[in-house]
Protein backbone atom coordinates (compact mmCIF):
# COMPACT_ATOMS: atom_id res chain seq x y z
CA MET A 1 -10.14 8.64 91.25
CA GLY A 2 -11.90 9.04 87.08
CA GLU A 3 -15.46 8.92 86.06
CA GLN A 4 -15.98 5.21 87.20
CA GLY A 5 -17.17 7.19 91.07
CA PHE A 6 -19.37 8.55 88.87
CA ALA A 7 -21.51 5.90 88.66
CA ALA A 8 -25.03 5.72 90.96
CA GLN A 9 -23.57 2.46 92.27
CA GLU A 10 -20.80 3.78 93.43
CA ARG A 11 -22.56 6.40 95.81
CA THR A 12 -22.25 4.32 98.77
CA ALA A 13 -18.28 3.83 98.35
CA VAL A 14 -17.87 7.29 97.81
CA LEU A 15 -19.83 7.89 101.00
CA GLU A 16 -18.12 5.65 102.94
CA ARG A 17 -14.74 6.90 101.38
CA MET A 18 -15.54 10.17 102.90
CA GLY A 19 -15.94 9.16 106.41
CA ARG A 20 -12.83 7.64 105.94
CA GLU A 21 -10.72 10.44 104.96
CA HIS A 22 -9.85 14.01 105.91
CA PHE A 23 -10.27 16.71 102.92
CA ASP A 24 -9.08 19.87 102.36
CA ILE A 25 -12.33 21.51 101.18
CA LEU A 26 -16.40 20.02 102.20
CA ILE A 27 -18.50 21.76 99.84
CA ILE A 28 -22.18 21.37 100.69
CA GLY A 29 -24.07 22.34 96.94
CA GLY A 30 -24.36 20.13 93.76
CA GLY A 31 -25.57 23.23 91.78
CA ILE A 32 -23.25 24.78 89.33
CA THR A 33 -21.27 27.27 91.91
CA GLY A 34 -20.80 24.31 94.05
CA ALA A 35 -19.61 22.42 90.68
CA GLY A 36 -17.11 25.01 89.59
CA ILE A 37 -15.39 25.35 92.91
CA ALA A 38 -15.02 21.81 93.01
CA LEU A 39 -13.39 21.87 89.89
CA ASP A 40 -11.00 24.18 90.50
CA ALA A 41 -9.69 23.20 93.77
CA ALA A 42 -9.14 19.50 92.05
CA ASP A 43 -7.30 21.04 89.32
CA ARG A 44 -5.09 22.83 91.97
CA GLY A 45 -4.50 20.01 94.13
CA LEU A 46 -6.83 20.10 96.72
CA LYS A 47 -8.47 17.20 98.36
CA THR A 48 -12.35 18.12 97.60
CA ALA A 49 -15.20 16.37 98.69
CA LEU A 50 -18.78 17.61 97.29
CA VAL A 51 -22.52 16.43 99.45
CA GLU A 52 -25.50 17.65 97.65
CA MET A 53 -28.82 17.05 99.16
CA GLN A 54 -31.42 16.89 96.12
CA ASP A 55 -29.92 15.95 92.65
CA PHE A 56 -27.08 17.97 90.69
CA ALA A 57 -28.66 20.94 89.92
CA ALA A 58 -32.26 20.44 91.21
CA GLY A 59 -32.57 23.61 92.65
CA THR A 60 -32.19 26.74 90.76
CA SER A 61 -29.19 24.95 88.25
CA SER A 62 -31.80 23.60 86.40
CA ARG A 63 -34.27 26.02 86.44
CA SER A 64 -32.93 29.17 84.47
CA THR A 65 -33.74 31.21 81.97
CA LYS A 66 -31.23 28.54 80.18
CA LEU A 67 -29.31 31.32 78.95
CA VAL A 68 -25.44 32.26 79.58
CA HIS A 69 -25.46 36.09 78.58
CA GLY A 70 -24.31 38.95 79.24
CA GLY A 71 -26.49 40.46 81.40
CA LEU A 72 -27.47 43.35 78.52
CA ARG A 73 -30.66 43.78 81.43
CA TYR A 74 -28.02 44.83 84.50
CA LEU A 75 -27.43 48.17 82.41
CA LYS A 76 -30.63 49.49 83.24
CA GLN A 77 -29.28 49.44 86.44
CA PHE A 78 -25.43 50.78 85.95
CA GLU A 79 -24.04 47.58 86.80
CA VAL A 80 -21.42 47.75 84.50
CA LYS A 81 -18.60 45.91 85.76
CA MET A 82 -21.46 42.71 85.96
CA VAL A 83 -21.97 43.52 82.23
CA ALA A 84 -18.46 43.66 81.60
CA GLU A 85 -17.02 40.43 83.70
CA VAL A 86 -20.13 38.13 82.19
CA GLY A 87 -19.61 38.95 79.10
CA LYS A 88 -16.21 38.22 79.07
CA GLU A 89 -16.74 34.86 80.91
CA ARG A 90 -19.65 34.13 78.23
CA ALA A 91 -17.04 33.20 75.99
CA ILE A 92 -14.20 31.00 78.34
CA VAL A 93 -17.90 29.40 79.11
CA PHE A 94 -18.41 28.53 75.54
CA GLU A 95 -14.70 27.51 74.79
CA ASN A 96 -14.74 25.13 77.21
CA GLY A 97 -17.95 23.74 76.61
CA PRO A 98 -19.46 23.76 72.85
CA HIS A 99 -21.86 21.12 73.16
CA VAL A 100 -23.71 22.84 75.98
CA THR A 101 -23.41 26.48 74.79
CA ILE A 102 -24.78 27.73 71.32
CA PRO A 103 -24.65 30.97 70.53
CA GLU A 104 -27.80 32.45 68.97
CA ARG A 105 -28.70 35.73 67.72
CA MET A 106 -31.18 37.52 69.96
CA LEU A 107 -33.85 40.23 68.60
CA LEU A 108 -34.87 42.98 70.76
CA PRO A 109 -38.34 45.36 68.77
CA PHE A 110 -38.56 48.56 70.21
CA HIS A 111 -42.25 49.73 69.48
CA GLN A 112 -43.38 53.71 70.03
CA GLY A 113 -44.52 54.40 74.08
CA GLY A 114 -42.16 50.87 74.77
CA THR A 115 -39.01 51.07 77.52
CA PHE A 116 -36.50 50.91 74.48
CA ASN A 117 -36.24 53.04 71.05
CA ALA A 118 -33.40 53.08 68.12
CA PHE A 119 -31.19 55.37 70.18
CA THR A 120 -31.39 53.93 73.38
CA THR A 121 -31.10 50.09 71.74
CA SER A 122 -28.06 51.26 69.96
CA ILE A 123 -26.47 52.55 72.62
CA GLY A 124 -27.20 50.16 75.03
CA LEU A 125 -25.94 47.15 72.63
CA LEU A 126 -22.48 49.26 71.72
CA VAL A 127 -22.38 49.49 75.29
CA TYR A 128 -22.47 45.87 75.70
CA ASP A 129 -20.29 44.74 72.96
CA PHE A 130 -17.13 47.43 74.19
CA LEU A 131 -17.79 45.98 78.31
CA ALA A 132 -18.94 42.44 77.37
CA GLY A 133 -16.08 41.84 74.67
CA VAL A 134 -17.82 40.67 72.00
CA LYS A 135 -16.41 39.03 69.08
CA ARG A 136 -16.70 41.16 65.62
CA SER A 137 -19.13 38.50 63.88
CA GLU A 138 -21.47 38.69 67.35
CA ARG A 139 -21.82 42.35 67.66
CA ARG A 140 -25.57 44.16 67.74
CA ARG A 141 -26.55 45.03 64.36
CA MET A 142 -29.86 47.88 64.61
CA LEU A 143 -32.31 46.52 61.72
CA ASP A 144 -35.52 48.77 60.56
CA ILE A 145 -39.04 48.01 60.90
CA GLN A 146 -38.72 45.65 57.38
CA ALA A 147 -35.65 43.17 58.57
CA THR A 148 -37.25 43.38 62.01
CA LEU A 149 -39.97 41.19 60.64
CA GLU A 150 -38.24 39.55 57.79
CA ARG A 151 -36.55 37.67 61.02
CA GLU A 152 -39.88 37.39 62.88
CA PRO A 153 -43.32 37.34 61.12
CA LEU A 154 -45.03 37.06 64.25
CA LEU A 155 -44.01 40.31 66.24
CA LYS A 156 -46.89 43.14 66.94
CA ARG A 157 -46.92 45.50 63.81
CA GLU A 158 -48.50 48.39 65.43
CA GLY A 159 -46.08 51.46 66.54
CA LEU A 160 -42.88 49.07 65.64
CA ARG A 161 -40.46 51.26 65.11
CA GLY A 162 -37.24 48.38 64.10
CA SER A 163 -35.16 46.19 66.43
CA GLY A 164 -31.79 45.89 67.58
CA SER A 165 -30.05 42.24 66.91
CA TYR A 166 -27.28 40.60 69.25
CA VAL A 167 -25.76 37.19 70.35
CA GLU A 168 -26.86 35.18 73.75
CA TYR A 169 -26.02 31.72 74.46
CA ARG A 170 -28.43 29.26 74.66
CA THR A 171 -27.85 26.92 77.05
CA ASP A 172 -28.58 23.58 79.05
CA ASP A 173 -28.06 24.79 82.76
CA ALA A 174 -28.64 20.97 83.97
CA ARG A 175 -26.17 19.28 81.53
CA LEU A 176 -23.87 22.24 81.93
CA THR A 177 -23.97 22.03 85.50
CA ILE A 178 -23.22 17.70 85.12
CA GLU A 179 -20.62 18.64 82.58
CA VAL A 180 -18.44 20.50 85.60
CA MET A 181 -18.99 18.18 88.08
CA LYS A 182 -18.06 15.09 86.13
CA GLU A 183 -14.95 17.06 85.28
CA ALA A 184 -14.37 17.38 88.84
CA VAL A 185 -14.09 13.93 89.40
CA THR A 186 -12.35 13.37 86.54
CA ARG A 187 -9.67 15.56 88.56
CA GLY A 188 -9.59 13.84 91.69
CA ALA A 189 -12.62 15.22 93.65
CA LEU A 190 -15.30 12.96 95.49
CA ALA A 191 -18.67 13.67 94.65
CA VAL A 192 -22.52 12.34 95.71
CA ASN A 193 -25.95 13.37 95.06
CA TYR A 194 -28.90 13.01 97.37
CA ALA A 195 -26.38 13.74 100.58
CA LYS A 196 -27.88 16.15 103.41
CA ALA A 197 -25.76 18.02 105.93
CA ASP A 198 -28.28 17.46 108.61
CA LYS A 199 -25.53 18.78 111.16
CA LEU A 200 -22.31 20.58 111.09
CA LEU A 201 -19.64 20.07 113.22
CA TYR A 202 -16.49 21.61 115.03
CA ASP A 203 -13.18 21.36 116.84
CA SER A 204 -12.40 24.06 119.29
CA GLY A 205 -15.25 26.70 118.16
CA ARG A 206 -14.20 26.06 114.50
CA ILE A 207 -16.39 24.10 111.94
CA SER A 208 -14.15 21.43 110.72
CA GLY A 209 -16.70 18.57 108.62
CA ALA A 210 -20.79 17.87 108.02
CA SER A 211 -22.71 14.95 109.55
CA VAL A 212 -24.19 13.79 106.35
CA THR A 213 -27.38 11.44 105.35
CA ASP A 214 -27.66 9.26 102.50
CA ARG A 215 -30.83 10.42 101.61
CA VAL A 216 -31.75 6.65 99.79
CA THR A 217 -29.88 4.40 102.43
CA GLY A 218 -30.90 6.97 105.79
CA LYS A 219 -27.28 6.02 106.41
CA PRO A 220 -25.60 8.40 108.18
CA TYR A 221 -22.11 9.43 107.90
CA GLU A 222 -19.45 12.11 109.41
CA ILE A 223 -17.04 14.28 106.83
CA ARG A 224 -14.14 15.63 108.15
CA ALA A 225 -12.62 18.88 106.09
CA SER A 226 -9.81 21.91 106.94
CA LEU A 227 -12.02 24.25 105.26
CA VAL A 228 -16.64 23.93 105.00
CA ILE A 229 -18.21 26.03 101.66
CA ASN A 230 -21.19 26.76 101.84
CA ALA A 231 -22.60 26.74 98.06
CA ALA A 232 -26.03 25.61 98.83
CA GLY A 233 -27.92 28.87 96.92
CA PRO A 234 -31.01 29.06 98.01
CA TRP A 235 -29.99 27.57 101.55
CA VAL A 236 -27.22 29.38 102.45
CA ASP A 237 -29.17 31.07 105.04
CA THR A 238 -30.58 27.47 106.43
CA LEU A 239 -26.63 26.14 106.37
CA ARG A 240 -25.75 29.54 108.23
CA GLU A 241 -28.65 29.67 110.28
CA MET A 242 -27.13 26.04 111.73
CA ASP A 243 -23.69 27.63 111.66
CA ARG A 244 -25.45 30.32 113.93
CA SER A 245 -23.37 32.88 112.01
CA LYS A 246 -27.02 34.28 109.66
CA GLU A 247 -26.49 37.96 110.39
CA GLY A 248 -26.51 40.86 107.99
CA LYS A 249 -26.89 40.80 104.36
CA VAL A 250 -29.69 37.46 103.88
CA LEU A 251 -31.07 35.84 100.96
CA ARG A 252 -34.20 37.02 98.95
CA LEU A 253 -35.47 34.36 96.92
CA THR A 254 -37.73 35.57 94.14
CA LYS A 255 -39.22 33.37 92.07
CA GLY A 256 -39.12 32.70 87.73
CA ILE A 257 -41.27 30.88 85.64
CA HIS A 258 -41.48 29.21 82.12
CA LEU A 259 -44.05 28.27 79.87
CA VAL A 260 -43.27 25.72 76.84
CA PHE A 261 -45.27 25.05 73.78
CA ASP A 262 -45.22 23.03 70.62
CA ALA A 263 -43.69 25.56 67.74
CA GLY A 264 -46.78 24.76 65.92
CA ARG A 265 -48.36 26.48 67.90
CA PHE A 266 -45.70 29.22 68.35
CA PRO A 267 -44.16 29.24 64.88
CA LEU A 268 -40.95 31.51 66.50
CA GLN A 269 -38.46 31.68 63.80
CA GLN A 270 -36.21 34.14 66.30
CA ALA A 271 -35.09 34.25 69.50
CA VAL A 272 -36.58 37.75 71.04
CA TYR A 273 -36.24 39.51 74.26
CA PHE A 274 -38.85 41.83 74.82
CA ASP A 275 -40.50 44.38 77.00
CA THR A 276 -43.53 43.66 78.17
CA PRO A 277 -46.32 46.65 79.50
CA ASP A 278 -44.88 47.23 83.02
CA GLY A 279 -41.29 47.49 81.90
CA ARG A 280 -40.22 43.79 82.79
CA MET A 281 -38.32 42.20 80.45
CA VAL A 282 -39.12 38.64 79.19
CA PHE A 283 -37.57 36.53 76.63
CA ALA A 284 -39.05 33.63 74.06
CA ILE A 285 -36.92 31.16 72.92
CA PRO A 286 -37.10 28.55 69.90
CA ARG A 287 -35.92 25.40 70.70
CA ASP A 288 -36.00 21.64 68.99
CA GLY A 289 -39.32 21.66 68.37
CA LYS A 290 -41.00 23.93 71.03
CA THR A 291 -40.69 27.70 71.84
CA TYR A 292 -40.17 28.69 75.86
CA ALA A 293 -41.16 31.52 77.13
CA GLY A 294 -40.50 33.68 80.27
CA THR A 295 -39.80 34.73 83.19
CA THR A 296 -41.64 36.65 86.48
CA ASP A 297 -40.08 37.76 89.06
CA THR A 298 -41.98 38.03 91.90
CA VAL A 299 -40.72 37.16 96.05
CA TYR A 300 -41.35 34.05 96.95
CA GLU A 301 -41.50 32.26 100.36
CA GLY A 302 -43.09 28.90 99.86
CA ASP A 303 -40.98 25.60 99.66
CA THR A 304 -38.12 26.39 98.36
CA ALA A 305 -37.26 22.80 97.10
CA HIS A 306 -40.70 22.80 95.32
CA PRO A 307 -41.59 25.83 93.75
CA ARG A 308 -44.81 25.62 91.49
CA MET A 309 -46.27 27.72 88.64
CA THR A 310 -49.34 29.51 89.82
CA ALA A 311 -52.36 30.09 87.46
CA GLU A 312 -51.03 33.84 88.37
CA ASP A 313 -47.88 33.09 86.75
CA ARG A 314 -49.07 30.98 84.17
CA ALA A 315 -51.32 34.38 83.13
CA TYR A 316 -48.75 36.82 83.25
CA VAL A 317 -46.74 34.68 80.87
CA LEU A 318 -49.57 34.37 77.99
CA GLN A 319 -50.38 37.72 78.41
CA ALA A 320 -46.82 39.14 77.81
CA ILE A 321 -46.40 36.54 74.90
CA ASN A 322 -50.29 37.53 73.37
CA GLY A 323 -49.16 41.30 73.43
CA MET A 324 -45.84 40.37 71.69
CA PHE A 325 -47.26 37.94 69.35
CA PRO A 326 -51.00 39.08 68.70
CA ASP A 327 -51.38 36.80 65.89
CA VAL A 328 -50.47 33.68 67.78
CA LYS A 329 -53.35 33.90 70.43
CA LEU A 330 -52.39 30.89 72.73
CA THR A 331 -54.39 30.15 75.44
CA VAL A 332 -53.88 27.70 78.67
CA THR A 333 -53.97 24.57 76.48
CA ASP A 334 -51.53 25.29 74.57
CA VAL A 335 -48.61 24.94 77.53
CA GLU A 336 -47.04 21.95 77.31
CA SER A 337 -45.09 22.13 79.85
CA SER A 338 -43.62 24.31 82.53
CA TRP A 339 -40.45 24.87 85.11
CA ALA A 340 -40.37 26.65 88.10
CA GLY A 341 -37.67 28.02 89.89
CA VAL A 342 -35.49 30.24 92.58
CA ARG A 343 -32.81 32.58 92.36
CA PRO A 344 -30.99 33.07 95.89
CA LEU A 345 -30.03 37.07 95.64
CA ILE A 346 -29.16 39.28 98.02
CA TYR A 347 -31.30 41.54 99.89
CA GLU A 348 -30.85 45.73 99.91
CA ASP A 349 -33.32 47.25 101.76
CA GLY A 350 -35.96 49.01 99.69
CA LYS A 351 -35.44 47.39 95.93
CA SER A 352 -38.10 45.38 94.36
CA PRO A 353 -37.06 41.43 93.45
CA SER A 354 -36.31 43.40 89.59
CA GLU A 355 -33.96 45.74 90.93
CA ILE A 356 -32.07 43.91 93.66
CA SER A 357 -28.27 43.02 92.36
CA ARG A 358 -27.26 39.60 91.43
CA LYS A 359 -23.93 40.42 91.61
CA ASP A 360 -22.02 37.82 94.14
CA GLU A 361 -20.45 37.90 97.68
CA ILE A 362 -18.57 35.55 99.58
CA TRP A 363 -18.74 35.78 103.39
CA GLU A 364 -16.67 33.79 105.86
CA SER A 365 -18.23 33.69 110.12
CA ARG A 366 -16.36 33.19 113.16
CA SER A 367 -15.94 30.11 112.90
CA GLY A 368 -14.73 29.55 109.57
CA LEU A 369 -17.54 29.10 107.27
CA ILE A 370 -16.43 30.25 103.45
CA THR A 371 -20.02 30.94 102.04
CA ILE A 372 -20.88 32.12 98.27
CA ALA A 373 -24.39 33.99 97.89
CA GLY A 374 -25.92 35.61 94.89
CA GLY A 375 -24.32 35.37 91.18
CA LYS A 376 -25.05 34.50 87.82
CA LEU A 377 -24.28 30.60 86.15
CA THR A 378 -22.56 32.75 83.61
CA GLY A 379 -20.60 33.88 85.97
CA TYR A 380 -19.57 30.85 87.67
CA ARG A 381 -16.56 30.05 86.64
CA LYS A 382 -14.64 33.37 88.30
CA MET A 383 -17.25 33.09 91.02
CA SER A 384 -15.33 29.34 92.05
CA GLU A 385 -12.02 31.34 90.72
CA LEU A 386 -12.41 33.48 93.53
CA VAL A 387 -13.87 31.12 96.40
CA VAL A 388 -10.92 29.01 95.70
CA ASP A 389 -8.01 32.09 95.66
CA ARG A 390 -9.74 32.63 99.06
CA ALA A 391 -9.80 28.90 100.56
CA VAL A 392 -5.95 28.33 98.98
CA ARG A 393 -4.71 30.74 101.08
CA GLU A 394 -6.93 30.18 103.98
CA LEU A 395 -4.90 26.67 103.64
CA GLY A 396 -1.67 28.60 103.69
CA ARG A 397 -2.49 30.05 106.92
CA LEU A 398 -4.22 27.38 108.90
CA HIS A 399 -1.52 24.38 107.18
CA GLY A 400 0.90 25.99 105.27
CA GLN A 401 -0.25 24.11 102.57
CA SER A 402 0.22 25.64 98.99
CA PHE A 403 -1.27 25.20 95.43
CA ARG A 404 -0.63 26.11 92.09
CA ALA A 405 -3.03 28.86 90.65
CA CYS A 406 -6.21 28.88 89.09
CA ARG A 407 -6.22 27.28 85.35
CA THR A 408 -10.31 26.72 84.67
CA ARG A 409 -10.48 29.29 81.84
CA HIS A 410 -8.19 27.16 80.07
CA ILE A 411 -9.83 23.36 80.71
CA PRO A 412 -12.69 21.89 78.86
CA ILE A 413 -15.34 20.90 80.97
CA SER A 414 -16.21 17.21 80.76
CA GLY A 415 -17.34 16.58 76.58
CA GLY A 416 -15.88 19.47 76.02
CA SER A 417 -12.34 18.15 74.05
CA VAL A 418 -13.56 18.52 70.62
CA GLY A 419 -10.94 21.29 69.23
CA GLY A 420 -13.25 24.49 70.96
CA SER A 421 -15.31 26.39 68.76
CA ALA A 422 -13.44 26.06 66.29
CA GLY A 423 -13.81 23.05 65.33
CA TRP A 424 -17.63 21.91 66.43
CA ASP A 425 -19.12 21.94 63.65
CA ALA A 426 -16.23 19.54 61.95
CA PHE A 427 -16.40 17.35 64.77
CA VAL A 428 -20.34 16.53 64.98
CA SER A 429 -20.28 15.50 61.43
CA LYS A 430 -17.45 13.06 61.66
CA GLN A 431 -19.52 11.61 65.10
CA ALA A 432 -22.53 11.04 62.80
CA ILE A 433 -20.70 9.55 59.81
CA ALA A 434 -19.21 7.17 63.18
CA GLY A 435 -22.45 7.04 64.21
CA ALA A 436 -24.16 5.65 61.05
CA ALA A 437 -21.01 2.62 60.86
CA LEU A 438 -22.04 1.29 63.79
CA GLY A 439 -25.42 0.99 62.44
CA LEU A 440 -27.13 3.56 64.37
CA PRO A 441 -29.55 6.10 62.71
CA PRO A 442 -27.56 9.34 61.94
CA GLU A 443 -29.64 11.47 63.26
CA THR A 444 -29.35 9.65 66.69
CA ALA A 445 -25.66 9.94 66.41
CA ARG A 446 -25.17 13.43 65.53
CA ALA A 447 -28.01 14.34 68.52
CA TRP A 448 -25.92 12.22 70.62
CA ALA A 449 -22.72 14.44 69.68
CA VAL A 450 -24.16 17.66 69.96
CA ARG A 451 -25.80 16.72 73.78
CA TYR A 452 -22.77 14.70 74.86
CA GLY A 453 -19.96 16.42 73.49
CA SER A 454 -16.46 14.72 73.40
CA ASN A 455 -18.00 11.47 75.82
CA VAL A 456 -20.06 10.65 72.24
CA GLU A 457 -17.28 7.27 72.28
CA ARG A 458 -18.50 6.23 75.05
CA LEU A 459 -22.18 5.85 73.99
CA PHE A 460 -20.79 4.70 70.94
CA ALA A 461 -19.33 1.47 72.99
CA ILE A 462 -22.40 1.15 75.49
CA ALA A 463 -24.48 1.08 72.35
CA THR A 464 -22.14 -1.54 70.47
CA GLN A 465 -22.50 -3.65 73.45
CA SER A 466 -26.31 -3.05 73.63
CA MET A 467 -27.11 -4.05 70.04
CA LYS A 468 -25.29 -6.79 70.46
CA ASN A 469 -27.03 -8.70 73.39
CA SER A 470 -29.06 -6.98 75.61
CA THR A 471 -31.88 -8.42 78.26
CA GLU A 472 -35.72 -8.34 77.65
CA THR A 473 -36.10 -5.48 79.58
CA GLU A 474 -33.83 -3.45 77.52
CA ALA A 475 -34.93 -4.80 74.19
CA ALA A 476 -38.56 -2.37 75.61
CA LEU A 477 -36.32 0.92 75.11
CA PRO A 478 -35.20 1.86 72.07
CA VAL A 479 -31.72 2.07 71.40
CA GLU A 480 -32.30 6.03 71.02
CA LEU A 481 -33.56 5.69 74.83
CA ARG A 482 -31.41 2.87 76.19
CA VAL A 483 -28.22 4.51 75.80
CA PRO A 484 -28.15 7.51 77.18
CA LEU A 485 -29.70 5.99 79.90
CA LEU A 486 -27.26 3.31 80.50
CA TYR A 487 -25.08 6.45 80.27
CA ALA A 488 -26.24 8.48 82.59
CA MET A 489 -26.44 5.75 85.82
CA GLU A 490 -22.84 5.13 84.97
CA GLN A 491 -21.46 7.72 83.98
CA GLU A 492 -23.69 10.39 85.71
CA MET A 493 -24.64 9.11 89.11
CA THR A 494 -28.75 9.26 87.96
CA VAL A 495 -30.75 7.67 90.81
CA THR A 496 -33.96 8.74 90.05
CA PRO A 497 -36.51 8.29 86.50
CA SER A 498 -36.79 12.48 87.81
CA ASP A 499 -33.05 12.72 87.85
CA PHE A 500 -32.97 11.17 83.90
CA PHE A 501 -35.86 12.50 82.87
CA ILE A 502 -34.92 16.02 83.87
CA ARG A 503 -31.56 16.91 84.37
CA ARG A 504 -29.85 14.66 82.49
CA THR A 505 -32.04 14.95 79.14
CA GLY A 506 -34.46 18.03 80.01
CA ALA A 507 -36.83 15.37 78.52
CA LEU A 508 -39.45 16.33 80.94
CA PHE A 509 -39.76 19.94 79.53
CA PHE A 510 -39.04 19.90 75.49
CA GLN A 511 -40.34 15.72 75.23
CA ILE A 512 -43.28 15.28 78.05
CA ASP A 513 -45.17 13.18 75.35
CA GLU A 514 -42.24 11.37 75.13
CA VAL A 515 -42.07 10.65 78.89
CA LYS A 516 -45.38 9.72 79.44
CA ARG A 517 -44.95 7.26 76.76
CA TRP A 518 -42.22 5.44 77.75
CA LYS A 519 -41.64 6.19 81.93
CA GLN A 520 -43.24 2.84 82.82
CA ALA A 521 -40.50 1.28 80.28
CA VAL A 522 -37.90 3.27 81.71
CA ILE A 523 -38.98 2.69 86.03
CA ALA A 524 -39.20 -1.08 84.81
CA TRP A 525 -35.23 -0.92 83.35
CA MET A 526 -33.96 1.00 85.90
CA SER A 527 -35.25 -0.97 88.88
CA GLU A 528 -34.13 -4.28 87.31
CA TYR A 529 -30.34 -2.65 86.60
CA ALA A 530 -30.21 -0.68 90.63
CA GLY A 531 -32.11 -3.66 91.82
CA TRP A 532 -35.36 -1.77 94.06
CA SER A 533 -37.14 -2.45 95.76
CA ALA A 534 -40.91 -2.50 95.38
CA GLU A 535 -41.45 0.55 97.84
CA GLN A 536 -38.79 2.33 96.31
CA GLU A 537 -39.89 1.60 92.29
CA LEU A 538 -43.44 3.65 93.61
CA GLN A 539 -41.33 6.24 95.39
CA TYR A 540 -40.31 7.22 92.39
CA THR A 541 -42.67 6.41 90.40
CA THR A 542 -45.21 8.92 91.89
CA GLU A 543 -42.23 11.17 91.97
CA LEU A 544 -42.70 11.58 88.50
CA ASP A 545 -46.38 11.72 88.08
CA ALA A 546 -45.81 14.12 90.41
CA TYR A 547 -43.48 16.37 88.77
CA LEU A 548 -45.68 15.35 85.50
CA TYR A 549 -48.58 17.02 86.36
CA GLU A 550 -46.87 20.54 88.74
CA ALA A 551 -45.07 20.65 84.41
CA VAL A 552 -48.75 21.55 83.46
CA THR A 553 -50.66 22.05 86.23
CA PRO A 554 -50.67 25.34 88.68
CA VAL A 555 -50.86 25.32 92.22
CA GLU A 556 -53.10 27.82 93.36
CA ILE A 557 -51.52 28.57 96.87
CA GLU A 558 -47.53 28.38 96.89
CA ALA A 559 -46.72 25.79 99.00
CA GLU A 560 -45.38 26.80 102.82
CA PRO A 561 -41.89 25.02 103.58
CA GLY A 562 -41.67 20.93 104.05
CA ALA A 563 -45.90 20.76 103.34
CA ILE A 564 -44.26 19.13 99.50
CA LYS A 565 -42.45 15.41 99.86
CA VAL A 566 -39.74 14.75 97.43
CA ILE A 567 -37.76 11.98 97.69
């Protein structure tokens, strides 16, 4: 089917095809787990369909700390097996998509009376290096007080005893999800966003598909499959309730928020992972002229689709930052943007939110519904492999079908064909020169290469065409914005302005002033391109305005489920 099947304007055609054909598996949920399952299944030859009720990655998969990390914190809980697994997976995620994953040195300072000291930090990082299979150049280094302050002068000096330095991998979680989904589609999967599974279908008591509503057009479809995979993240228990199989272990949702500051106000030189007076851990990470910090970890029972920052959340993170970086003296007026997300954790009686395990589990109900619950962004590929292994065994038992073994360990995701991490820098330099030769500013060409990887050639082609002939509406947008927008709609199933500004670019978090500046021009262009009605244009404008407001304005009371309607 190829990437041509991943344009926003082809959603209806994709849904109609889903309604006509029979699939080996239907995946419900378009976050990183669902995307990973779709890629693995499609590559093995399973006929694969995936539906997502919001935009791809709109749930937890665009609201994380944006790290593909090895799980250092889990050593505190003696989750040795998890650290070993996700540490090794981290390297695979990086090699298969260097354009969405960047190694970054992280500082772990220790102070008199804090959670860590020189001995526990050194031993902890040594064990971490061993378990996670960390390559030599990225192994831990122990730093004295002077070396620590040279790395990060903003750190609290009082009681400082030194630090440990280790490597984490910074990522764009939403773009990672989109690129995995695009690769799945390239390999034959059918995937569509804004398609909600309203009802599960059964044949003689066995699950056989789902009734799905297109939330853009309101049209219903029945999608049939031999197996149904529940990869709905925070909503897995909702689907288990529909299947009448919610029993035994259940999900407990916890919420985390992150705050974004301009680097001028919080000029962090180096990513820092630090403890707070109450024993929790917080990240502060520089990124593209901004610094973001988080996260909180509180039990959440509000609207799953619409978690919000509260004043209390914001105060907690500000207090943590000002405690570790006393000279910055940040206040609420310095918060440029924020995001809130929920983590779907498997509930264990008697444990606090920060103690509940992040491990994943697979359950199968009496009807045959396969549910994948829990887990972490970093471990998505291995989780997907386990789910598809199970699906392949089941399809063999049911229909005598056989499929090849998993190959995703060595499959670059969409945009990842850049010669691996070893070839990354040379690739970016080459593309910056190629873009400049076409008349693009070299910094724009470089930025596109960094964001889109090997797909940058498609953006160059769009730019060449666009610079030759563009409509009056298109001309109102600078090429730096116009080309990624057209690419997002034609190649990344971008339906709404919020899809583009939040999940395709991250601009609402890290360039919020640019979003405010260009939102009307972008909406006008999208409306003309997609042929929106006046009602649709108003709906999507209202939605984006709400996100812009909520990024800086805390909610005093958590919304009850269903209280806020989003698309």
